[in-house]
Amino acid sequence: MPHFESYDGLRLSYTTLGEGPALVCLSGGPGADATSLGDLGGLAGHHTLIRLDARAGGYSEIPADQGSCAFTEQVKDVEALRAHLGLPAIDLLAHSAGTLTAQAYAAAEPDRVRRLVLVTPAGRGSREPDEDEVARIRARGVRTRAPADNGNPPGWLRAAFYVEHKATAVPHPVLAVAGAEDGIAGLTPAKLVADLHPAGVLAVLPGCGHWPWLDAPDSFTSVVTGFLAG
């Protein structure tokens, strides 16, 4: 499995899948195995997916410094991966918790990002679900899909990942993808994300849950490829 050394010498793993322009992909969780993204509903037929296992997740090493797993600190890992790949700038897709890292990276390294795709985002600079909305969605009882295996991240990772952080608007084109039946995050975080960024747009996929590429792969791929080609 390909790997590289990040800024602090930690070995991080990644996998590549597909063909076409590179698309760096961050999984959620935090700490979900990046292979749980699969081919992102067929997106690998249009892009080479570079799926990063975040530190302490998947096949990447666990650091001695748990604080380095904060999403604000993992920005440095994304930059190290970009440099390792030799890409002057990247298109970046992130899912759920990973969208916090992606937005923080775009704010910290604005010249290294072209476009952001944020799939069922957690929020802008923290988790921002509307719990009443989530409860209403769950009450509808719509069956949606989830990966068979998200990996087994360490128990302390969640507390280390979510830190206080002020959200920053970025100038890049940003697509926030929400699932209309997302009983985990709801639609509110995606709406907040799309409203924050000046070039933000919102796409709500009917009948989809927190992993919309599993529920409606053709619709998901069409929306994302159209945005990346725009």
C-alpha atoms as a PDB file:
ATOM      1  CA  MET A   1       0.000   0.000   0.000  1.00  0.00           C
ATOM      2  CA  PRO A   2       1.456   3.427  -0.886  1.00  0.00           C
ATOM      3  CA  HIS A   3       2.598   5.556   2.014  1.00  0.00           C
ATOM      4  CA  PHE A   4       4.524   8.739   2.736  1.00  0.00           C
ATOM      5  CA  GLU A   5       6.048  10.460   5.734  1.00  0.00           C
ATOM      6  CA  SER A   6       4.169  13.492   6.989  1.00  0.00           C
ATOM      7  CA  TYR A   7       5.692  16.640   8.502  1.00  0.00           C
ATOM      8  CA  ASP A   8       6.490  14.871  11.800  1.00  0.00           C
ATOM      9  CA  GLY A   9       7.791  11.629  10.314  1.00  0.00           C
ATOM     10  CA  LEU A  10       4.547   9.685  10.828  1.00  0.00           C
ATOM     11  CA  ARG A  11       3.837   7.142   8.083  1.00  0.00           C
ATOM     12  CA  LEU A  12       0.470   7.763   6.449  1.00  0.00           C
ATOM     13  CA  SER A  13      -1.148   5.407   3.963  1.00  0.00           C
ATOM     14  CA  TYR A  14      -3.249   6.146   0.926  1.00  0.00           C
ATOM     15  CA  THR A  15      -4.783   4.213  -1.949  1.00  0.00           C
ATOM     16  CA  THR A  16      -5.485   5.186  -5.534  1.00  0.00           C
ATOM     17  CA  LEU A  17      -8.419   4.043  -7.637  1.00  0.00           C
ATOM     18  CA  GLY A  18      -9.675   4.959 -11.085  1.00  0.00           C
ATOM     19  CA  GLU A  19      -8.420   7.106 -13.913  1.00  0.00           C
ATOM     20  CA  GLY A  20      -8.575  10.727 -14.944  1.00  0.00           C
ATOM     21  CA  PRO A  21      -7.720  13.954 -13.102  1.00  0.00           C
ATOM     22  CA  ALA A  22      -6.579  13.492  -9.513  1.00  0.00           C
ATOM     23  CA  LEU A  23      -9.122  13.957  -6.722  1.00  0.00           C
ATOM     24  CA  VAL A  24      -7.769  13.808  -3.170  1.00  0.00           C
ATOM     25  CA  CYS A  25     -10.362  12.216  -0.857  1.00  0.00           C
ATOM     26  CA  LEU A  26     -10.697  12.427   2.935  1.00  0.00           C
ATOM     27  CA  SER A  27     -12.907   9.986   4.813  1.00  0.00           C
ATOM     28  CA  GLY A  28     -15.106  10.783   7.789  1.00  0.00           C
ATOM     29  CA  GLY A  29     -15.407   9.108  11.135  1.00  0.00           C
ATOM     30  CA  PRO A  30     -13.112  10.569  12.316  1.00  0.00           C
ATOM     31  CA  GLY A  31     -10.633   7.804  11.578  1.00  0.00           C
ATOM     32  CA  ALA A  32     -12.732   5.834   9.101  1.00  0.00           C
ATOM     33  CA  ASP A  33     -10.784   3.595   6.764  1.00  0.00           C
ATOM     34  CA  ALA A  34     -10.516   5.538   3.499  1.00  0.00           C
ATOM     35  CA  THR A  35     -11.240   2.404   1.471  1.00  0.00           C
ATOM     36  CA  SER A  36     -14.794   2.635   2.887  1.00  0.00           C
ATOM     37  CA  LEU A  37     -15.283   5.390   0.305  1.00  0.00           C
ATOM     38  CA  GLY A  38     -15.099   2.685  -2.358  1.00  0.00           C
ATOM     39  CA  ASP A  39     -15.269   4.091  -5.874  1.00  0.00           C
ATOM     40  CA  LEU A  40     -17.600   6.869  -4.661  1.00  0.00           C
ATOM     41  CA  GLY A  41     -20.544   5.693  -6.684  1.00  0.00           C
ATOM     42  CA  GLY A  42     -18.602   5.388  -9.913  1.00  0.00           C
ATOM     43  CA  LEU A  43     -16.668   8.621  -9.552  1.00  0.00           C
ATOM     44  CA  ALA A  44     -13.490   6.590 -10.103  1.00  0.00           C
ATOM     45  CA  GLY A  45     -14.582   6.260 -13.715  1.00  0.00           C
ATOM     46  CA  HIS A  46     -13.955   9.976 -14.146  1.00  0.00           C
ATOM     47  CA  HIS A  47     -11.187  10.782 -11.644  1.00  0.00           C
ATOM     48  CA  THR A  48      -8.221   9.103 -10.012  1.00  0.00           C
ATOM     49  CA  LEU A  49      -9.317   8.909  -6.384  1.00  0.00           C
ATOM     50  CA  ILE A  50      -6.428   9.394  -3.954  1.00  0.00           C
ATOM     51  CA  ARG A  51      -7.946   8.178  -0.685  1.00  0.00           C
ATOM     52  CA  LEU A  52      -5.971   9.231   2.388  1.00  0.00           C
ATOM     53  CA  ASP A  53      -6.040   7.271   5.625  1.00  0.00           C
ATOM     54  CA  ALA A  54      -5.889  10.031   8.245  1.00  0.00           C
ATOM     55  CA  ARG A  55      -3.454   9.583  11.129  1.00  0.00           C
ATOM     56  CA  ALA A  56      -4.724   6.991  13.613  1.00  0.00           C
ATOM     57  CA  GLY A  57      -7.162   5.731  10.976  1.00  0.00           C
ATOM     58  CA  GLY A  58      -7.069   2.918   8.432  1.00  0.00           C
ATOM     59  CA  TYR A  59      -3.511   1.737   7.749  1.00  0.00           C
ATOM     60  CA  SER A  60      -1.837   4.971   8.859  1.00  0.00           C
ATOM     61  CA  GLU A  61       0.262   5.047  12.005  1.00  0.00           C
ATOM     62  CA  ILE A  62      -1.014   6.243  15.373  1.00  0.00           C
ATOM     63  CA  PRO A  63       0.989   9.226  16.637  1.00  0.00           C
ATOM     64  CA  ALA A  64       2.361   9.513  20.146  1.00  0.00           C
ATOM     65  CA  ASP A  65       0.961  13.051  20.265  1.00  0.00           C
ATOM     66  CA  GLN A  66      -2.815  12.665  20.286  1.00  0.00           C
ATOM     67  CA  GLY A  67      -3.180  16.418  19.828  1.00  0.00           C
ATOM     68  CA  SER A  68      -1.774  16.074  16.311  1.00  0.00           C
ATOM     69  CA  CYS A  69      -5.014  14.295  15.377  1.00  0.00           C
ATOM     70  CA  ALA A  70      -7.066  17.494  15.748  1.00  0.00           C
ATOM     71  CA  PHE A  71      -8.657  18.315  12.412  1.00  0.00           C
ATOM     72  CA  THR A  72      -6.882  21.671  12.429  1.00  0.00           C
ATOM     73  CA  GLU A  73      -3.543  19.856  12.724  1.00  0.00           C
ATOM     74  CA  GLN A  74      -4.371  17.278  10.052  1.00  0.00           C
ATOM     75  CA  VAL A  75      -4.266  20.139   7.572  1.00  0.00           C
ATOM     76  CA  LYS A  76      -0.487  19.568   7.610  1.00  0.00           C
ATOM     77  CA  ASP A  77      -0.971  15.953   6.540  1.00  0.00           C
ATOM     78  CA  VAL A  78      -3.040  16.997   3.524  1.00  0.00           C
ATOM     79  CA  GLU A  79      -0.317  19.441   2.530  1.00  0.00           C
ATOM     80  CA  ALA A  80       2.331  16.740   2.976  1.00  0.00           C
ATOM     81  CA  LEU A  81       0.327  14.414   0.716  1.00  0.00           C
ATOM     82  CA  ARG A  82      -0.023  17.115  -1.948  1.00  0.00           C
ATOM     83  CA  ALA A  83       3.735  17.686  -1.879  1.00  0.00           C
ATOM     84  CA  HIS A  84       4.409  13.933  -1.983  1.00  0.00           C
ATOM     85  CA  LEU A  85       2.221  13.604  -5.068  1.00  0.00           C
ATOM     86  CA  GLY A  86       3.938  16.552  -6.729  1.00  0.00           C
ATOM     87  CA  LEU A  87       0.650  18.317  -7.471  1.00  0.00           C
ATOM     88  CA  PRO A  88       0.770  22.143  -7.594  1.00  0.00           C
ATOM     89  CA  ALA A  89      -2.884  22.316  -6.486  1.00  0.00           C
ATOM     90  CA  ILE A  90      -5.612  19.796  -5.774  1.00  0.00           C
ATOM     91  CA  ASP A  91      -9.303  19.214  -6.090  1.00  0.00           C
ATOM     92  CA  LEU A  92     -10.387  17.946  -2.666  1.00  0.00           C
ATOM     93  CA  LEU A  93     -13.381  15.796  -1.709  1.00  0.00           C
ATOM     94  CA  ALA A  94     -14.188  15.048   1.917  1.00  0.00           C
ATOM     95  CA  HIS A  95     -16.924  13.178   3.729  1.00  0.00           C
ATOM     96  CA  SER A  96     -18.586  13.981   7.057  1.00  0.00           C
ATOM     97  CA  ALA A  97     -15.964  14.757   9.734  1.00  0.00           C
ATOM     98  CA  GLY A  98     -13.294  15.002   7.039  1.00  0.00           C
ATOM     99  CA  THR A  99     -15.003  18.105   5.660  1.00  0.00           C
ATOM    100  CA  LEU A 100     -13.753  20.057   8.674  1.00  0.00           C
ATOM    101  CA  THR A 101     -10.163  19.183   7.727  1.00  0.00           C
ATOM    102  CA  ALA A 102     -10.849  20.047   4.086  1.00  0.00           C
ATOM    103  CA  GLN A 103     -12.254  23.495   4.869  1.00  0.00           C
ATOM    104  CA  ALA A 104      -9.430  24.269   7.291  1.00  0.00           C
ATOM    105  CA  TYR A 105      -6.901  23.190   4.649  1.00  0.00           C
ATOM    106  CA  ALA A 106      -8.434  25.448   2.001  1.00  0.00           C
ATOM    107  CA  ALA A 107      -8.283  28.367   4.429  1.00  0.00           C
ATOM    108  CA  ALA A 108      -4.669  27.655   5.405  1.00  0.00           C
ATOM    109  CA  GLU A 109      -3.378  26.836   1.890  1.00  0.00           C
ATOM    110  CA  PRO A 110      -5.600  28.810  -0.490  1.00  0.00           C
ATOM    111  CA  ASP A 111      -3.163  28.580  -3.408  1.00  0.00           C
ATOM    112  CA  ARG A 112      -3.075  24.780  -3.158  1.00  0.00           C
ATOM    113  CA  VAL A 113      -6.804  24.189  -3.694  1.00  0.00           C
ATOM    114  CA  ARG A 114      -8.943  24.440  -6.828  1.00  0.00           C
ATOM    115  CA  ARG A 115     -12.362  23.088  -5.816  1.00  0.00           C
ATOM    116  CA  LEU A 116     -13.899  21.540  -2.697  1.00  0.00           C
ATOM    117  CA  VAL A 117     -16.571  18.839  -2.615  1.00  0.00           C
ATOM    118  CA  LEU A 118     -17.989  18.437   0.898  1.00  0.00           C
ATOM    119  CA  VAL A 119     -20.239  15.390   1.218  1.00  0.00           C
ATOM    120  CA  THR A 120     -22.751  15.348   4.085  1.00  0.00           C
ATOM    121  CA  PRO A 121     -20.534  17.795   6.000  1.00  0.00           C
ATOM    122  CA  ALA A 122     -20.297  17.878   9.771  1.00  0.00           C
ATOM    123  CA  GLY A 123     -20.442  21.674   9.781  1.00  0.00           C
ATOM    124  CA  ARG A 124     -18.286  24.731   9.170  1.00  0.00           C
ATOM    125  CA  GLY A 125     -15.726  24.709  11.985  1.00  0.00           C
ATOM    126  CA  SER A 126     -17.358  22.199  14.338  1.00  0.00           C
ATOM    127  CA  ARG A 127     -20.212  19.682  14.417  1.00  0.00           C
ATOM    128  CA  GLU A 128     -23.428  21.589  13.715  1.00  0.00           C
ATOM    129  CA  PRO A 129     -26.346  19.161  13.322  1.00  0.00           C
ATOM    130  CA  ASP A 130     -29.858  20.327  14.138  1.00  0.00           C
ATOM    131  CA  GLU A 131     -30.863  17.540  16.497  1.00  0.00           C
ATOM    132  CA  ASP A 132     -34.597  18.216  16.026  1.00  0.00           C
ATOM    133  CA  GLU A 133     -34.189  17.921  12.266  1.00  0.00           C
ATOM    134  CA  VAL A 134     -32.176  14.715  12.643  1.00  0.00           C
ATOM    135  CA  ALA A 135     -34.902  13.270  14.888  1.00  0.00           C
ATOM    136  CA  ARG A 136     -37.588  14.086  12.307  1.00  0.00           C
ATOM    137  CA  ILE A 137     -35.578  12.404   9.555  1.00  0.00           C
ATOM    138  CA  ARG A 138     -35.046   9.300  11.663  1.00  0.00           C
ATOM    139  CA  ALA A 139     -38.741   9.173  12.494  1.00  0.00           C
ATOM    140  CA  ARG A 140     -39.569   8.885   8.792  1.00  0.00           C
ATOM    141  CA  GLY A 141     -37.812   5.509   8.824  1.00  0.00           C
ATOM    142  CA  VAL A 142     -36.413   5.723   5.306  1.00  0.00           C
ATOM    143  CA  ARG A 143     -33.895   2.952   4.761  1.00  0.00           C
ATOM    144  CA  THR A 144     -30.522   4.198   3.533  1.00  0.00           C
ATOM    145  CA  ARG A 145     -27.185   2.462   3.084  1.00  0.00           C
ATOM    146  CA  ALA A 146     -23.890   2.559   4.978  1.00  0.00           C
ATOM    147  CA  PRO A 147     -20.482   0.941   4.334  1.00  0.00           C
ATOM    148  CA  ALA A 148     -20.100  -2.591   5.627  1.00  0.00           C
ATOM    149  CA  ASP A 149     -16.876  -1.642   7.449  1.00  0.00           C
ATOM    150  CA  ASN A 150     -15.688   1.832   8.432  1.00  0.00           C
ATOM    151  CA  GLY A 151     -12.557   0.600  10.180  1.00  0.00           C
ATOM    152  CA  ASN A 152     -11.797   0.537  13.893  1.00  0.00           C
ATOM    153  CA  PRO A 153     -10.268   3.863  15.014  1.00  0.00           C
ATOM    154  CA  PRO A 154      -9.055   4.199  18.630  1.00  0.00           C
ATOM    155  CA  GLY A 155     -11.605   5.326  21.182  1.00  0.00           C
ATOM    156  CA  TRP A 156      -9.806   8.547  22.106  1.00  0.00           C
ATOM    157  CA  LEU A 157      -9.684   9.845  18.536  1.00  0.00           C
ATOM    158  CA  ARG A 158     -13.063  11.548  18.468  1.00  0.00           C
ATOM    159  CA  ALA A 159     -12.234  13.820  21.410  1.00  0.00           C
ATOM    160  CA  ALA A 160      -8.818  14.623  19.941  1.00  0.00           C
ATOM    161  CA  PHE A 161     -10.216  15.391  16.474  1.00  0.00           C
ATOM    162  CA  TYR A 162     -12.955  17.871  17.387  1.00  0.00           C
ATOM    163  CA  VAL A 163     -11.389  21.079  18.702  1.00  0.00           C
ATOM    164  CA  GLU A 164     -12.542  24.674  19.017  1.00  0.00           C
ATOM    165  CA  HIS A 165     -12.081  26.413  15.697  1.00  0.00           C
ATOM    166  CA  LYS A 166     -13.545  29.532  14.113  1.00  0.00           C
ATOM    167  CA  ALA A 167     -14.822  28.825  10.628  1.00  0.00           C
ATOM    168  CA  THR A 168     -13.257  30.815   7.803  1.00  0.00           C
ATOM    169  CA  ALA A 169     -14.915  31.478   4.453  1.00  0.00           C
ATOM    170  CA  VAL A 170     -12.805  30.460   1.454  1.00  0.00           C
ATOM    171  CA  PRO A 171     -12.950  31.868  -2.082  1.00  0.00           C
ATOM    172  CA  HIS A 172     -12.817  28.503  -3.833  1.00  0.00           C
ATOM    173  CA  PRO A 173     -15.839  26.930  -5.525  1.00  0.00           C
ATOM    174  CA  VAL A 174     -17.450  24.725  -2.861  1.00  0.00           C
ATOM    175  CA  LEU A 175     -20.094  22.052  -3.393  1.00  0.00           C
ATOM    176  CA  ALA A 176     -21.970  20.876  -0.297  1.00  0.00           C
ATOM    177  CA  VAL A 177     -23.807  17.597  -0.938  1.00  0.00           C
ATOM    178  CA  ALA A 178     -26.589  16.644   1.464  1.00  0.00           C
ATOM    179  CA  GLY A 179     -28.752  13.536   1.664  1.00  0.00           C
ATOM    180  CA  ALA A 180     -32.412  14.363   2.145  1.00  0.00           C
ATOM    181  CA  GLU A 181     -32.739  11.351   4.471  1.00  0.00           C
ATOM    182  CA  ASP A 182     -29.459  11.822   6.371  1.00  0.00           C
ATOM    183  CA  GLY A 183     -30.318  10.633   9.875  1.00  0.00           C
ATOM    184  CA  ILE A 184     -26.802  11.343  11.150  1.00  0.00           C
ATOM    185  CA  ALA A 185     -26.016  14.931  10.143  1.00  0.00           C
ATOM    186  CA  GLY A 186     -29.285  16.122   8.669  1.00  0.00           C
ATOM    187  CA  LEU A 187     -29.347  18.892   6.051  1.00  0.00           C
ATOM    188  CA  THR A 188     -28.549  21.877   8.268  1.00  0.00           C
ATOM    189  CA  PRO A 189     -24.730  21.533   8.290  1.00  0.00           C
ATOM    190  CA  ALA A 190     -24.605  21.373   4.485  1.00  0.00           C
ATOM    191  CA  LYS A 191     -26.801  24.459   4.221  1.00  0.00           C
ATOM    192  CA  LEU A 192     -24.565  26.333   6.673  1.00  0.00           C
ATOM    193  CA  VAL A 193     -21.460  25.333   4.727  1.00  0.00           C
ATOM    194  CA  ALA A 194     -22.919  26.419   1.384  1.00  0.00           C
ATOM    195  CA  ASP A 195     -23.983  29.759   2.884  1.00  0.00           C
ATOM    196  CA  LEU A 196     -20.589  30.418   4.505  1.00  0.00           C
ATOM    197  CA  HIS A 197     -18.453  30.238   1.390  1.00  0.00           C
ATOM    198  CA  PRO A 198     -19.053  32.952  -1.241  1.00  0.00           C
ATOM    199  CA  ALA A 199     -18.829  30.447  -4.101  1.00  0.00           C
ATOM    200  CA  GLY A 200     -20.702  27.738  -2.215  1.00  0.00           C
ATOM    201  CA  VAL A 201     -23.553  25.740  -3.754  1.00  0.00           C
ATOM    202  CA  LEU A 202     -25.863  23.163  -2.184  1.00  0.00           C
ATOM    203  CA  ALA A 203     -27.051  19.923  -3.767  1.00  0.00           C
ATOM    204  CA  VAL A 204     -29.668  17.849  -1.910  1.00  0.00           C
ATOM    205  CA  LEU A 205     -30.050  14.281  -3.165  1.00  0.00           C
ATOM    206  CA  PRO A 206     -33.541  12.796  -2.588  1.00  0.00           C
ATOM    207  CA  GLY A 207     -33.769   9.445  -0.858  1.00  0.00           C
ATOM    208  CA  CYS A 208     -30.127   9.542   0.243  1.00  0.00           C
ATOM    209  CA  GLY A 209     -28.611   9.184   3.676  1.00  0.00           C
ATOM    210  CA  HIS A 210     -25.189   9.975   5.114  1.00  0.00           C
ATOM    211  CA  TRP A 211     -23.342   8.029   2.377  1.00  0.00           C
ATOM    212  CA  PRO A 212     -25.207   9.290  -0.721  1.00  0.00           C
ATOM    213  CA  TRP A 213     -22.882   7.605  -3.210  1.00  0.00           C
ATOM    214  CA  LEU A 214     -24.266   4.274  -1.968  1.00  0.00           C
ATOM    215  CA  ASP A 215     -27.935   5.278  -2.194  1.00  0.00           C
ATOM    216  CA  ALA A 216     -27.897   7.115  -5.539  1.00  0.00           C
ATOM    217  CA  PRO A 217     -24.545   6.502  -7.243  1.00  0.00           C
ATOM    218  CA  ASP A 218     -25.550   7.853 -10.652  1.00  0.00           C
ATOM    219  CA  SER A 219     -27.004  11.078  -9.234  1.00  0.00           C
ATOM    220  CA  PHE A 220     -24.056  11.538  -6.916  1.00  0.00           C
ATOM    221  CA  THR A 221     -21.499  11.031  -9.673  1.00  0.00           C
ATOM    222  CA  SER A 222     -23.368  13.341 -12.029  1.00  0.00           C
ATOM    223  CA  VAL A 223     -23.528  16.174  -9.502  1.00  0.00           C
ATOM    224  CA  VAL A 224     -19.881  15.882  -8.478  1.00  0.00           C
ATOM    225  CA  THR A 225     -18.405  15.475 -11.952  1.00  0.00           C
ATOM    226  CA  GLY A 226     -20.463  18.386 -13.235  1.00  0.00           C
ATOM    227  CA  PHE A 227     -19.180  20.587 -10.433  1.00  0.00           C
ATOM    228  CA  LEU A 228     -15.542  19.568 -10.880  1.00  0.00           C
ATOM    229  CA  ALA A 229     -15.742  20.188 -14.612  1.00  0.00           C
ATOM    230  CA  GLY A 230     -17.327  23.614 -14.199  1.00  0.00           C
END
